[in-house]
């Protein structure tokens, strides 16, 4: 079929076998399928969960911090630091 779901040793995988279905999932319904896996060792045991944007789930907090990071680190903003290097 167009979608094949498997669970391999606790890892959930979804195979998408058509271009139209991929468009539906990744473009139109991306917020439903864009959750990141939980990394217990990095996020909870090492204390990176609260401050590291790479381990945050998508949502309001993530969007707000990504926007702030983009304002400081987009191409033109980074060029302003060239004289300091």
C-alpha atoms as a PDB file:
ATOM      1  CA  UNK A   1       0.000   0.000   0.000  1.00  0.00           C
ATOM      2  CA  UNK A   2       0.902   3.651   0.110  1.00  0.00           C
ATOM      3  CA  UNK A   3       1.771   3.484   3.812  1.00  0.00           C
ATOM      4  CA  UNK A   4       3.563   0.673   5.610  1.00  0.00           C
ATOM      5  CA  UNK A   5       3.942   0.838   9.395  1.00  0.00           C
ATOM      6  CA  UNK A   6       6.400  -1.381  11.263  1.00  0.00           C
ATOM      7  CA  UNK A   7       7.658  -1.537  14.828  1.00  0.00           C
ATOM      8  CA  UNK A   8      11.232  -2.840  15.055  1.00  0.00           C
ATOM      9  CA  UNK A   9      12.502  -3.364  18.599  1.00  0.00           C
ATOM     10  CA  UNK A  10      10.362  -0.503  19.879  1.00  0.00           C
ATOM     11  CA  UNK A  11      11.227   1.901  17.045  1.00  0.00           C
ATOM     12  CA  UNK A  12       8.171   2.978  15.069  1.00  0.00           C
ATOM     13  CA  UNK A  13       8.731   3.358  11.317  1.00  0.00           C
ATOM     14  CA  UNK A  14       6.400   4.536   8.598  1.00  0.00           C
ATOM     15  CA  UNK A  15       7.330   3.898   4.978  1.00  0.00           C
ATOM     16  CA  UNK A  16       5.693   6.169   2.438  1.00  0.00           C
ATOM     17  CA  UNK A  17       5.417   4.604  -1.014  1.00  0.00           C
ATOM     18  CA  UNK A  18       3.868   7.369  -3.111  1.00  0.00           C
ATOM     19  CA  UNK A  19       4.759  10.950  -3.915  1.00  0.00           C
ATOM     20  CA  UNK A  20       1.212  12.175  -3.261  1.00  0.00           C
ATOM     21  CA  UNK A  21       1.069  10.522   0.164  1.00  0.00           C
ATOM     22  CA  UNK A  22       4.493  11.956   1.055  1.00  0.00           C
ATOM     23  CA  UNK A  23       3.221  15.425   0.149  1.00  0.00           C
ATOM     24  CA  UNK A  24       0.117  14.938   2.282  1.00  0.00           C
ATOM     25  CA  UNK A  25       2.136  13.816   5.299  1.00  0.00           C
ATOM     26  CA  UNK A  26       5.200  16.063   5.133  1.00  0.00           C
ATOM     27  CA  UNK A  27       3.635  19.271   3.823  1.00  0.00           C
ATOM     28  CA  UNK A  28      -0.039  19.419   4.722  1.00  0.00           C
ATOM     29  CA  UNK A  29       0.107  17.539   8.042  1.00  0.00           C
ATOM     30  CA  UNK A  30       3.710  18.089   9.120  1.00  0.00           C
ATOM     31  CA  UNK A  31       2.782  19.213  12.632  1.00  0.00           C
ATOM     32  CA  UNK A  32       1.232  15.782  13.267  1.00  0.00           C
ATOM     33  CA  UNK A  33       4.361  13.880  12.229  1.00  0.00           C
ATOM     34  CA  UNK A  34       7.284  16.082  13.259  1.00  0.00           C
ATOM     35  CA  UNK A  35       7.842  14.976  16.852  1.00  0.00           C
ATOM     36  CA  UNK A  36      11.399  14.087  17.809  1.00  0.00           C
ATOM     37  CA  UNK A  37      12.308  10.896  19.617  1.00  0.00           C
ATOM     38  CA  UNK A  38      13.056  11.133  23.327  1.00  0.00           C
ATOM     39  CA  UNK A  39      16.762  10.871  24.110  1.00  0.00           C
ATOM     40  CA  UNK A  40      16.802   9.980  27.790  1.00  0.00           C
ATOM     41  CA  UNK A  41      20.577   9.912  28.184  1.00  0.00           C
ATOM     42  CA  UNK A  42      21.195  13.321  26.639  1.00  0.00           C
ATOM     43  CA  UNK A  43      18.092  15.179  27.623  1.00  0.00           C
ATOM     44  CA  UNK A  44      17.339  13.950  31.120  1.00  0.00           C
ATOM     45  CA  UNK A  45      20.431  12.338  32.618  1.00  0.00           C
ATOM     46  CA  UNK A  46      22.870  14.994  31.371  1.00  0.00           C
ATOM     47  CA  UNK A  47      20.469  17.865  32.039  1.00  0.00           C
ATOM     48  CA  UNK A  48      20.238  19.126  28.464  1.00  0.00           C
ATOM     49  CA  UNK A  49      16.472  18.931  28.215  1.00  0.00           C
ATOM     50  CA  UNK A  50      15.726  22.415  29.535  1.00  0.00           C
ATOM     51  CA  UNK A  51      18.174  24.500  27.518  1.00  0.00           C
ATOM     52  CA  UNK A  52      19.223  22.658  24.359  1.00  0.00           C
ATOM     53  CA  UNK A  53      16.972  23.472  21.402  1.00  0.00           C
ATOM     54  CA  UNK A  54      18.123  20.339  19.534  1.00  0.00           C
ATOM     55  CA  UNK A  55      16.375  18.107  22.074  1.00  0.00           C
ATOM     56  CA  UNK A  56      13.169  20.104  22.458  1.00  0.00           C
ATOM     57  CA  UNK A  57       9.913  18.837  20.994  1.00  0.00           C
ATOM     58  CA  UNK A  58       8.297  21.010  18.343  1.00  0.00           C
ATOM     59  CA  UNK A  59       5.886  23.481  19.828  1.00  0.00           C
ATOM     60  CA  UNK A  60       5.580  27.045  21.099  1.00  0.00           C
ATOM     61  CA  UNK A  61       8.833  26.987  23.103  1.00  0.00           C
ATOM     62  CA  UNK A  62      10.787  25.556  20.165  1.00  0.00           C
ATOM     63  CA  UNK A  63       9.363  28.042  17.622  1.00  0.00           C
ATOM     64  CA  UNK A  64      10.059  31.024  19.898  1.00  0.00           C
ATOM     65  CA  UNK A  65      13.673  29.988  20.492  1.00  0.00           C
ATOM     66  CA  UNK A  66      14.300  29.047  16.879  1.00  0.00           C
ATOM     67  CA  UNK A  67      13.083  32.492  15.830  1.00  0.00           C
ATOM     68  CA  UNK A  68      15.474  34.122  18.321  1.00  0.00           C
ATOM     69  CA  UNK A  69      18.372  31.966  17.083  1.00  0.00           C
ATOM     70  CA  UNK A  70      17.590  32.803  13.474  1.00  0.00           C
ATOM     71  CA  UNK A  71      17.587  36.549  14.181  1.00  0.00           C
ATOM     72  CA  UNK A  72      21.120  36.281  15.591  1.00  0.00           C
ATOM     73  CA  UNK A  73      22.618  33.701  13.249  1.00  0.00           C
ATOM     74  CA  UNK A  74      21.189  34.240   9.750  1.00  0.00           C
ATOM     75  CA  UNK A  75      23.656  34.965   6.914  1.00  0.00           C
ATOM     76  CA  UNK A  76      23.693  38.752   7.198  1.00  0.00           C
ATOM     77  CA  UNK A  77      23.926  38.757  11.004  1.00  0.00           C
ATOM     78  CA  UNK A  78      26.888  36.376  10.917  1.00  0.00           C
ATOM     79  CA  UNK A  79      28.704  38.560   8.368  1.00  0.00           C
ATOM     80  CA  UNK A  80      28.705  41.360  10.939  1.00  0.00           C
ATOM     81  CA  UNK A  81      31.069  39.224  13.049  1.00  0.00           C
ATOM     82  CA  UNK A  82      33.698  38.807  10.303  1.00  0.00           C
ATOM     83  CA  UNK A  83      35.840  41.778  11.484  1.00  0.00           C
ATOM     84  CA  UNK A  84      36.008  40.284  14.985  1.00  0.00           C
ATOM     85  CA  UNK A  85      37.361  36.927  13.816  1.00  0.00           C
END
